[in-house]
Amino acid sequence: MFDNLKPNEIEDWICIFERGTEYEVEAAKNYLSNMDIPSQILSKRDSAFSLNIGDTALVYLYVPKEYEQQAREAMEELDLPAESDSDKEEE
């Protein structure tokens, strides 16, 4: 049912980060903000059931296309926990 979910395509914005928990994406957004890189969060989290795992709970971080390279380099320096093995198996 939820096979091959991908971030939404938003004109002039690129998804650079996705996780199953909002706090990780918020941390990344704050990190980019401190580097003057604009970003926006798109959450597909099901608030009715407060799920934070699986395909119905993904949270995405987008940056304007012109900031993509700078944001990706910054994200490589950010020390966030890696995706769990169960997240990788779903992909």
PDB file of N, CA and C in Angstrom:
ATOM      1  N   MET A   1       0.810  -1.194   0.000  1.00  0.00           N
ATOM      2  CA  MET A   1       0.000   0.000   0.000  1.00  0.00           C
ATOM      3  C   MET A   1       0.861   1.269   0.000  1.00  0.00           C
ATOM      4  N   PHE A   2       1.935   1.288   0.807  1.00  0.00           N
ATOM      5  CA  PHE A   2       2.782   2.469   0.901  1.00  0.00           C
ATOM      6  C   PHE A   2       4.159   2.232   0.300  1.00  0.00           C
ATOM      7  N   ASP A   3       4.263   1.353  -0.685  1.00  0.00           N
ATOM      8  CA  ASP A   3       5.549   1.049  -1.293  1.00  0.00           C
ATOM      9  C   ASP A   3       6.098   2.254  -2.044  1.00  0.00           C
ATOM     10  N   ASN A   4       7.415   2.430  -1.931  1.00  0.00           N
ATOM     11  CA  ASN A   4       8.140   3.448  -2.687  1.00  0.00           C
ATOM     12  C   ASN A   4       7.635   4.861  -2.446  1.00  0.00           C
ATOM     13  N   LEU A   5       7.330   5.208  -1.213  1.00  0.00           N
ATOM     14  CA  LEU A   5       6.939   6.572  -0.905  1.00  0.00           C
ATOM     15  C   LEU A   5       8.132   7.481  -1.102  1.00  0.00           C
ATOM     16  N   LYS A   6       7.884   8.616  -1.703  1.00  0.00           N
ATOM     17  CA  LYS A   6       8.939   9.585  -1.959  1.00  0.00           C
ATOM     18  C   LYS A   6       8.465  10.949  -1.482  1.00  0.00           C
ATOM     19  N   PRO A   7       9.407  11.848  -1.215  1.00  0.00           N
ATOM     20  CA  PRO A   7       9.009  13.202  -0.830  1.00  0.00           C
ATOM     21  C   PRO A   7       8.210  13.868  -1.954  1.00  0.00           C
ATOM     22  N   ASN A   8       7.322  14.761  -1.586  1.00  0.00           N
ATOM     23  CA  ASN A   8       6.569  15.513  -2.580  1.00  0.00           C
ATOM     24  C   ASN A   8       7.530  16.372  -3.384  1.00  0.00           C
ATOM     25  N   GLU A   9       7.210  16.552  -4.642  1.00  0.00           N
ATOM     26  CA  GLU A   9       7.993  17.475  -5.450  1.00  0.00           C
ATOM     27  C   GLU A   9       7.363  18.847  -5.306  1.00  0.00           C
ATOM     28  N   ILE A  10       8.148  19.794  -4.832  1.00  0.00           N
ATOM     29  CA  ILE A  10       7.686  21.150  -4.609  1.00  0.00           C
ATOM     30  C   ILE A  10       8.551  22.065  -5.456  1.00  0.00           C
ATOM     31  N   GLU A  11       7.919  22.885  -6.273  1.00  0.00           N
ATOM     32  CA  GLU A  11       8.637  23.738  -7.207  1.00  0.00           C
ATOM     33  C   GLU A  11       9.674  24.601  -6.490  1.00  0.00           C
ATOM     34  N   ASP A  12      10.899  24.549  -6.973  1.00  0.00           N
ATOM     35  CA  ASP A  12      12.033  25.327  -6.485  1.00  0.00           C
ATOM     36  C   ASP A  12      12.525  24.921  -5.091  1.00  0.00           C
ATOM     37  N   TRP A  13      12.087  23.757  -4.581  1.00  0.00           N
ATOM     38  CA  TRP A  13      12.536  23.243  -3.290  1.00  0.00           C
ATOM     39  C   TRP A  13      13.002  21.810  -3.462  1.00  0.00           C
ATOM     40  N   ILE A  14      13.993  21.409  -2.678  1.00  0.00           N
ATOM     41  CA  ILE A  14      14.563  20.062  -2.722  1.00  0.00           C
ATOM     42  C   ILE A  14      14.503  19.449  -1.328  1.00  0.00           C
ATOM     43  N   CYS A  15      14.075  18.193  -1.264  1.00  0.00           N
ATOM     44  CA  CYS A  15      14.086  17.468   0.004  1.00  0.00           C
ATOM     45  C   CYS A  15      15.509  16.950   0.236  1.00  0.00           C
ATOM     46  N   ILE A  16      16.092  17.337   1.373  1.00  0.00           N
ATOM     47  CA  ILE A  16      17.473  16.919   1.663  1.00  0.00           C
ATOM     48  C   ILE A  16      17.569  15.966   2.840  1.00  0.00           C
ATOM     49  N   PHE A  17      16.445  15.757   3.555  1.00  0.00           N
ATOM     50  CA  PHE A  17      16.515  14.976   4.780  1.00  0.00           C
ATOM     51  C   PHE A  17      15.125  14.449   5.099  1.00  0.00           C
ATOM     52  N   GLU A  18      15.043  13.198   5.543  1.00  0.00           N
ATOM     53  CA  GLU A  18      13.758  12.648   5.967  1.00  0.00           C
ATOM     54  C   GLU A  18      13.984  11.679   7.120  1.00  0.00           C
ATOM     55  N   ARG A  19      13.058  11.688   8.045  1.00  0.00           N
ATOM     56  CA  ARG A  19      13.114  10.813   9.202  1.00  0.00           C
ATOM     57  C   ARG A  19      11.692  10.488   9.648  1.00  0.00           C
ATOM     58  N   GLY A  20      11.602   9.569  10.572  1.00  0.00           N
ATOM     59  CA  GLY A  20      10.318   9.163  11.107  1.00  0.00           C
ATOM     60  C   GLY A  20       9.952   9.905  12.384  1.00  0.00           C
ATOM     61  N   THR A  21      10.833  10.785  12.857  1.00  0.00           N
ATOM     62  CA  THR A  21      10.534  11.553  14.060  1.00  0.00           C
ATOM     63  C   THR A  21      10.745  13.038  13.792  1.00  0.00           C
ATOM     64  N   GLU A  22       9.847  13.838  14.322  1.00  0.00           N
ATOM     65  CA  GLU A  22       9.912  15.275  14.090  1.00  0.00           C
ATOM     66  C   GLU A  22      11.113  15.930  14.759  1.00  0.00           C
ATOM     67  N   TYR A  23      11.517  15.411  15.930  1.00  0.00           N
ATOM     68  CA  TYR A  23      12.611  16.076  16.643  1.00  0.00           C
ATOM     69  C   TYR A  23      13.909  16.038  15.855  1.00  0.00           C
ATOM     70  N   GLU A  24      14.166  14.969  15.115  1.00  0.00           N
ATOM     71  CA  GLU A  24      15.398  14.907  14.314  1.00  0.00           C
ATOM     72  C   GLU A  24      15.366  15.931  13.187  1.00  0.00           C
ATOM     73  N   VAL A  25      14.221  16.065  12.544  1.00  0.00           N
ATOM     74  CA  VAL A  25      14.095  17.023  11.447  1.00  0.00           C
ATOM     75  C   VAL A  25      14.138  18.449  11.997  1.00  0.00           C
ATOM     76  N   GLU A  26      13.517  18.674  13.150  1.00  0.00           N
ATOM     77  CA  GLU A  26      13.592  19.997  13.796  1.00  0.00           C
ATOM     78  C   GLU A  26      15.040  20.348  14.140  1.00  0.00           C
ATOM     79  N   ALA A  27      15.801  19.385  14.623  1.00  0.00           N
ATOM     80  CA  ALA A  27      17.209  19.625  14.946  1.00  0.00           C
ATOM     81  C   ALA A  27      17.983  20.016  13.690  1.00  0.00           C
ATOM     82  N   ALA A  28      17.726  19.331  12.596  1.00  0.00           N
ATOM     83  CA  ALA A  28      18.400  19.644  11.335  1.00  0.00           C
ATOM     84  C   ALA A  28      17.994  21.029  10.835  1.00  0.00           C
ATOM     85  N   LYS A  29      16.714  21.348  10.944  1.00  0.00           N
ATOM     86  CA  LYS A  29      16.225  22.675  10.528  1.00  0.00           C
ATOM     87  C   LYS A  29      16.905  23.763  11.353  1.00  0.00           C
ATOM     88  N   ASN A  30      16.992  23.580  12.665  1.00  0.00           N
ATOM     89  CA  ASN A  30      17.654  24.567  13.521  1.00  0.00           C
ATOM     90  C   ASN A  30      19.130  24.718  13.170  1.00  0.00           C
ATOM     91  N   TYR A  31      19.775  23.602  12.878  1.00  0.00           N
ATOM     92  CA  TYR A  31      21.184  23.632  12.484  1.00  0.00           C
ATOM     93  C   TYR A  31      21.370  24.452  11.207  1.00  0.00           C
ATOM     94  N   LEU A  32      20.520  24.192  10.210  1.00  0.00           N
ATOM     95  CA  LEU A  32      20.603  24.951   8.962  1.00  0.00           C
ATOM     96  C   LEU A  32      20.289  26.423   9.190  1.00  0.00           C
ATOM     97  N   SER A  33      19.326  26.696  10.052  1.00  0.00           N
ATOM     98  CA  SER A  33      18.968  28.080  10.356  1.00  0.00           C
ATOM     99  C   SER A  33      20.153  28.837  10.943  1.00  0.00           C
ATOM    100  N   ASN A  34      20.918  28.173  11.800  1.00  0.00           N
ATOM    101  CA  ASN A  34      22.112  28.803  12.378  1.00  0.00           C
ATOM    102  C   ASN A  34      23.164  29.097  11.326  1.00  0.00           C
ATOM    103  N   MET A  35      23.092  28.416  10.201  1.00  0.00           N
ATOM    104  CA  MET A  35      24.034  28.642   9.099  1.00  0.00           C
ATOM    105  C   MET A  35      23.416  29.539   8.023  1.00  0.00           C
ATOM    106  N   ASP A  36      22.285  30.169   8.348  1.00  0.00           N
ATOM    107  CA  ASP A  36      21.560  31.061   7.429  1.00  0.00           C
ATOM    108  C   ASP A  36      21.097  30.356   6.157  1.00  0.00           C
ATOM    109  N   ILE A  37      20.737  29.089   6.296  1.00  0.00           N
ATOM    110  CA  ILE A  37      20.183  28.316   5.177  1.00  0.00           C
ATOM    111  C   ILE A  37      18.690  28.150   5.445  1.00  0.00           C
ATOM    112  N   PRO A  38      17.834  28.730   4.608  1.00  0.00           N
ATOM    113  CA  PRO A  38      16.397  28.605   4.828  1.00  0.00           C
ATOM    114  C   PRO A  38      15.924  27.172   4.596  1.00  0.00           C
ATOM    115  N   SER A  39      14.942  26.748   5.368  1.00  0.00           N
ATOM    116  CA  SER A  39      14.392  25.400   5.197  1.00  0.00           C
ATOM    117  C   SER A  39      12.956  25.370   5.701  1.00  0.00           C
ATOM    118  N   GLN A  40      12.231  24.359   5.254  1.00  0.00           N
ATOM    119  CA  GLN A  40      10.841  24.154   5.658  1.00  0.00           C
ATOM    120  C   GLN A  40      10.625  22.675   5.920  1.00  0.00           C
ATOM    121  N   ILE A  41       9.736  22.379   6.848  1.00  0.00           N
ATOM    122  CA  ILE A  41       9.412  20.994   7.196  1.00  0.00           C
ATOM    123  C   ILE A  41       8.055  20.634   6.619  1.00  0.00           C
ATOM    124  N   LEU A  42       7.986  19.450   6.032  1.00  0.00           N
ATOM    125  CA  LEU A  42       6.716  18.878   5.583  1.00  0.00           C
ATOM    126  C   LEU A  42       6.541  17.571   6.342  1.00  0.00           C
ATOM    127  N   SER A  43       5.514  17.520   7.183  1.00  0.00           N
ATOM    128  CA  SER A  43       5.262  16.332   7.988  1.00  0.00           C
ATOM    129  C   SER A  43       4.069  15.568   7.426  1.00  0.00           C
ATOM    130  N   LYS A  44       4.254  14.274   7.247  1.00  0.00           N
ATOM    131  CA  LYS A  44       3.162  13.405   6.834  1.00  0.00           C
ATOM    132  C   LYS A  44       2.727  12.525   8.003  1.00  0.00           C
ATOM    133  N   ARG A  45       3.069  12.975   9.174  1.00  0.00           N
ATOM    134  CA  ARG A  45       2.776  12.225  10.389  1.00  0.00           C
ATOM    135  C   ARG A  45       1.276  12.214  10.652  1.00  0.00           C
ATOM    136  N   ASP A  46       0.751  11.063  10.962  1.00  0.00           N
ATOM    137  CA  ASP A  46      -0.666  10.899  11.248  1.00  0.00           C
ATOM    138  C   ASP A  46      -0.930  11.330  12.683  1.00  0.00           C
ATOM    139  N   SER A  47      -1.416  12.549  12.844  1.00  0.00           N
ATOM    140  CA  SER A  47      -1.622  13.073  14.192  1.00  0.00           C
ATOM    141  C   SER A  47      -2.802  12.434  14.909  1.00  0.00           C
ATOM    142  N   ALA A  48      -3.718  11.835  14.165  1.00  0.00           N
ATOM    143  CA  ALA A  48      -4.870  11.194  14.794  1.00  0.00           C
ATOM    144  C   ALA A  48      -4.445  10.017  15.659  1.00  0.00           C
ATOM    145  N   PHE A  49      -3.409   9.312  15.231  1.00  0.00           N
ATOM    146  CA  PHE A  49      -2.943   8.147  15.973  1.00  0.00           C
ATOM    147  C   PHE A  49      -1.578   8.376  16.603  1.00  0.00           C
ATOM    148  N   SER A  50      -0.999   9.549  16.383  1.00  0.00           N
ATOM    149  CA  SER A  50       0.304   9.904  16.945  1.00  0.00           C
ATOM    150  C   SER A  50       1.375   8.855  16.630  1.00  0.00           C
ATOM    151  N   LEU A  51       1.369   8.391  15.398  1.00  0.00           N
ATOM    152  CA  LEU A  51       2.365   7.419  14.962  1.00  0.00           C
ATOM    153  C   LEU A  51       3.693   8.112  14.702  1.00  0.00           C
ATOM    154  N   ASN A  52       4.794   7.436  15.004  1.00  0.00           N
ATOM    155  CA  ASN A  52       6.099   8.000  14.660  1.00  0.00           C
ATOM    156  C   ASN A  52       7.016   6.969  14.025  1.00  0.00           C
ATOM    157  N   ILE A  53       6.427   5.916  13.477  1.00  0.00           N
ATOM    158  CA  ILE A  53       7.205   4.920  12.742  1.00  0.00           C
ATOM    159  C   ILE A  53       6.466   4.569  11.467  1.00  0.00           C
ATOM    160  N   GLY A  54       7.190   4.078  10.506  1.00  0.00           N
ATOM    161  CA  GLY A  54       6.568   3.621   9.277  1.00  0.00           C
ATOM    162  C   GLY A  54       6.346   4.730   8.265  1.00  0.00           C
ATOM    163  N   ASP A  55       5.783   4.334   7.127  1.00  0.00           N
ATOM    164  CA  ASP A  55       5.615   5.243   6.004  1.00  0.00           C
ATOM    165  C   ASP A  55       4.589   6.341   6.235  1.00  0.00           C
ATOM    166  N   THR A  56       3.661   6.151   7.170  1.00  0.00           N
ATOM    167  CA  THR A  56       2.655   7.184   7.420  1.00  0.00           C
ATOM    168  C   THR A  56       3.134   8.211   8.427  1.00  0.00           C
ATOM    169  N   ALA A  57       4.391   8.162   8.797  1.00  0.00           N
ATOM    170  CA  ALA A  57       4.914   9.074   9.805  1.00  0.00           C
ATOM    171  C   ALA A  57       6.155   9.821   9.337  1.00  0.00           C
ATOM    172  N   LEU A  58       6.421   9.868   8.065  1.00  0.00           N
ATOM    173  CA  LEU A  58       7.650  10.496   7.584  1.00  0.00           C
ATOM    174  C   LEU A  58       7.575  12.014   7.678  1.00  0.00           C
ATOM    175  N   VAL A  59       8.715  12.603   8.022  1.00  0.00           N
ATOM    176  CA  VAL A  59       8.850  14.043   8.132  1.00  0.00           C
ATOM    177  C   VAL A  59      10.018  14.440   7.229  1.00  0.00           C
ATOM    178  N   TYR A  60       9.795  15.441   6.380  1.00  0.00           N
ATOM    179  CA  TYR A  60      10.774  15.831   5.372  1.00  0.00           C
ATOM    180  C   TYR A  60      11.279  17.249   5.621  1.00  0.00           C
ATOM    181  N   LEU A  61      12.544  17.490   5.266  1.00  0.00           N
ATOM    182  CA  LEU A  61      13.140  18.821   5.357  1.00  0.00           C
ATOM    183  C   LEU A  61      13.516  19.275   3.946  1.00  0.00           C
ATOM    184  N   TYR A  62      12.997  20.418   3.567  1.00  0.00           N
ATOM    185  CA  TYR A  62      13.235  20.983   2.239  1.00  0.00           C
ATOM    186  C   TYR A  62      14.046  22.270   2.340  1.00  0.00           C
ATOM    187  N   VAL A  63      14.867  22.504   1.319  1.00  0.00           N
ATOM    188  CA  VAL A  63      15.592  23.767   1.178  1.00  0.00           C
ATOM    189  C   VAL A  63      15.367  24.288  -0.238  1.00  0.00           C
ATOM    190  N   PRO A  64      15.488  25.615  -0.440  1.00  0.00           N
ATOM    191  CA  PRO A  64      15.415  26.142  -1.805  1.00  0.00           C
ATOM    192  C   PRO A  64      16.525  25.527  -2.664  1.00  0.00           C
ATOM    193  N   LYS A  65      16.241  25.317  -3.935  1.00  0.00           N
ATOM    194  CA  LYS A  65      17.205  24.660  -4.828  1.00  0.00           C
ATOM    195  C   LYS A  65      18.576  25.314  -4.803  1.00  0.00           C
ATOM    196  N   GLU A  66      18.616  26.644  -4.708  1.00  0.00           N
ATOM    197  CA  GLU A  66      19.910  27.329  -4.749  1.00  0.00           C
ATOM    198  C   GLU A  66      20.757  27.077  -3.496  1.00  0.00           C
ATOM    199  N   TYR A  67      20.159  26.525  -2.444  1.00  0.00           N
ATOM    200  CA  TYR A  67      20.884  26.204  -1.215  1.00  0.00           C
ATOM    201  C   TYR A  67      21.181  24.709  -1.077  1.00  0.00           C
ATOM    202  N   GLU A  68      20.816  23.915  -2.072  1.00  0.00           N
ATOM    203  CA  GLU A  68      20.924  22.460  -1.943  1.00  0.00           C
ATOM    204  C   GLU A  68      22.333  21.992  -1.600  1.00  0.00           C
ATOM    205  N   GLN A  69      23.327  22.402  -2.359  1.00  0.00           N
ATOM    206  CA  GLN A  69      24.695  21.932  -2.129  1.00  0.00           C
ATOM    207  C   GLN A  69      25.196  22.353  -0.756  1.00  0.00           C
ATOM    208  N   GLN A  70      24.976  23.595  -0.400  1.00  0.00           N
ATOM    209  CA  GLN A  70      25.408  24.108   0.900  1.00  0.00           C
ATOM    210  C   GLN A  70      24.708  23.341   2.032  1.00  0.00           C
ATOM    211  N   ALA A  71      23.425  23.062   1.870  1.00  0.00           N
ATOM    212  CA  ALA A  71      22.666  22.345   2.899  1.00  0.00           C
ATOM    213  C   ALA A  71      23.127  20.896   3.016  1.00  0.00           C
ATOM    214  N   ARG A  72      23.373  20.243   1.897  1.00  0.00           N
ATOM    215  CA  ARG A  72      23.841  18.851   1.950  1.00  0.00           C
ATOM    216  C   ARG A  72      25.210  18.750   2.624  1.00  0.00           C
ATOM    217  N   GLU A  73      26.092  19.685   2.333  1.00  0.00           N
ATOM    218  CA  GLU A  73      27.401  19.696   2.981  1.00  0.00           C
ATOM    219  C   GLU A  73      27.253  19.920   4.489  1.00  0.00           C
ATOM    220  N   ALA A  74      26.351  20.802   4.865  1.00  0.00           N
ATOM    221  CA  ALA A  74      26.112  21.066   6.283  1.00  0.00           C
ATOM    222  C   ALA A  74      25.537  19.834   6.970  1.00  0.00           C
ATOM    223  N   MET A  75      24.646  19.128   6.295  1.00  0.00           N
ATOM    224  CA  MET A  75      24.023  17.945   6.884  1.00  0.00           C
ATOM    225  C   MET A  75      25.036  16.832   7.103  1.00  0.00           C
ATOM    226  N   GLU A  76      26.065  16.765   6.261  1.00  0.00           N
ATOM    227  CA  GLU A  76      27.119  15.770   6.452  1.00  0.00           C
ATOM    228  C   GLU A  76      27.890  16.026   7.741  1.00  0.00           C
ATOM    229  N   GLU A  77      27.974  17.288   8.144  1.00  0.00           N
ATOM    230  CA  GLU A  77      28.691  17.649   9.358  1.00  0.00           C
ATOM    231  C   GLU A  77      27.833  17.479  10.606  1.00  0.00           C
ATOM    232  N   LEU A  78      26.513  17.470  10.430  1.00  0.00           N
ATOM    233  CA  LEU A  78      25.599  17.362  11.565  1.00  0.00           C
ATOM    234  C   LEU A  78      25.630  15.947  12.121  1.00  0.00           C
ATOM    235  N   ASP A  79      25.753  15.832  13.427  1.00  0.00           N
ATOM    236  CA  ASP A  79      25.874  14.531  14.068  1.00  0.00           C
ATOM    237  C   ASP A  79      24.522  14.056  14.594  1.00  0.00           C
ATOM    238  N   LEU A  80      23.669  13.571  13.688  1.00  0.00           N
ATOM    239  CA  LEU A  80      22.382  12.994  14.066  1.00  0.00           C
ATOM    240  C   LEU A  80      22.488  11.483  13.968  1.00  0.00           C
ATOM    241  N   PRO A  81      21.717  10.767  14.773  1.00  0.00           N
ATOM    242  CA  PRO A  81      21.745   9.301  14.688  1.00  0.00           C
ATOM    243  C   PRO A  81      21.372   8.833  13.281  1.00  0.00           C
ATOM    244  N   ALA A  82      22.015   7.778  12.833  1.00  0.00           N
ATOM    245  CA  ALA A  82      21.700   7.205  11.521  1.00  0.00           C
ATOM    246  C   ALA A  82      20.326   6.570  11.571  1.00  0.00           C
ATOM    247  N   GLU A  83      19.746   6.379  10.379  1.00  0.00           N
ATOM    248  CA  GLU A  83      18.458   5.703  10.310  1.00  0.00           C
ATOM    249  C   GLU A  83      18.617   4.294  10.864  1.00  0.00           C
ATOM    250  N   SER A  84      17.580   3.816  11.507  1.00  0.00           N
ATOM    251  CA  SER A  84      17.639   2.467  12.066  1.00  0.00           C
ATOM    252  C   SER A  84      17.604   1.438  10.951  1.00  0.00           C
ATOM    253  N   ASP A  85      18.028   0.214  11.251  1.00  0.00           N
ATOM    254  CA  ASP A  85      18.016  -0.854  10.267  1.00  0.00           C
ATOM    255  C   ASP A  85      16.617  -1.117   9.745  1.00  0.00           C
ATOM    256  N   SER A  86      15.604  -0.978  10.586  1.00  0.00           N
ATOM    257  CA  SER A  86      14.230  -1.232  10.142  1.00  0.00           C
ATOM    258  C   SER A  86      13.795  -0.185   9.136  1.00  0.00           C
ATOM    259  N   ASP A  87      14.261   1.076   9.280  1.00  0.00           N
ATOM    260  CA  ASP A  87      13.947   2.109   8.302  1.00  0.00           C
ATOM    261  C   ASP A  87      14.568   1.781   6.957  1.00  0.00           C
ATOM    262  N   LYS A  88      15.794   1.282   6.963  1.00  0.00           N
ATOM    263  CA  LYS A  88      16.488   0.977   5.722  1.00  0.00           C
ATOM    264  C   LYS A  88      15.859  -0.208   5.009  1.00  0.00           C
ATOM    265  N   GLU A  89      15.341  -1.168   5.766  1.00  0.00           N
ATOM    266  CA  GLU A  89      14.726  -2.341   5.158  1.00  0.00           C
ATOM    267  C   GLU A  89      13.458  -1.970   4.425  1.00  0.00           C
ATOM    268  N   GLU A  90      12.734  -0.955   4.894  1.00  0.00           N
ATOM    269  CA  GLU A  90      11.486  -0.544   4.278  1.00  0.00           C
ATOM    270  C   GLU A  90      11.712   0.085   2.915  1.00  0.00           C
ATOM    271  N   GLU A  91      12.888   0.677   2.681  1.00  0.00           N
ATOM    272  CA  GLU A  91      13.155   1.364   1.419  1.00  0.00           C
ATOM    273  C   GLU A  91      13.384   0.419   0.327  1.00  0.00           C
TER     274      GLU A  91
END
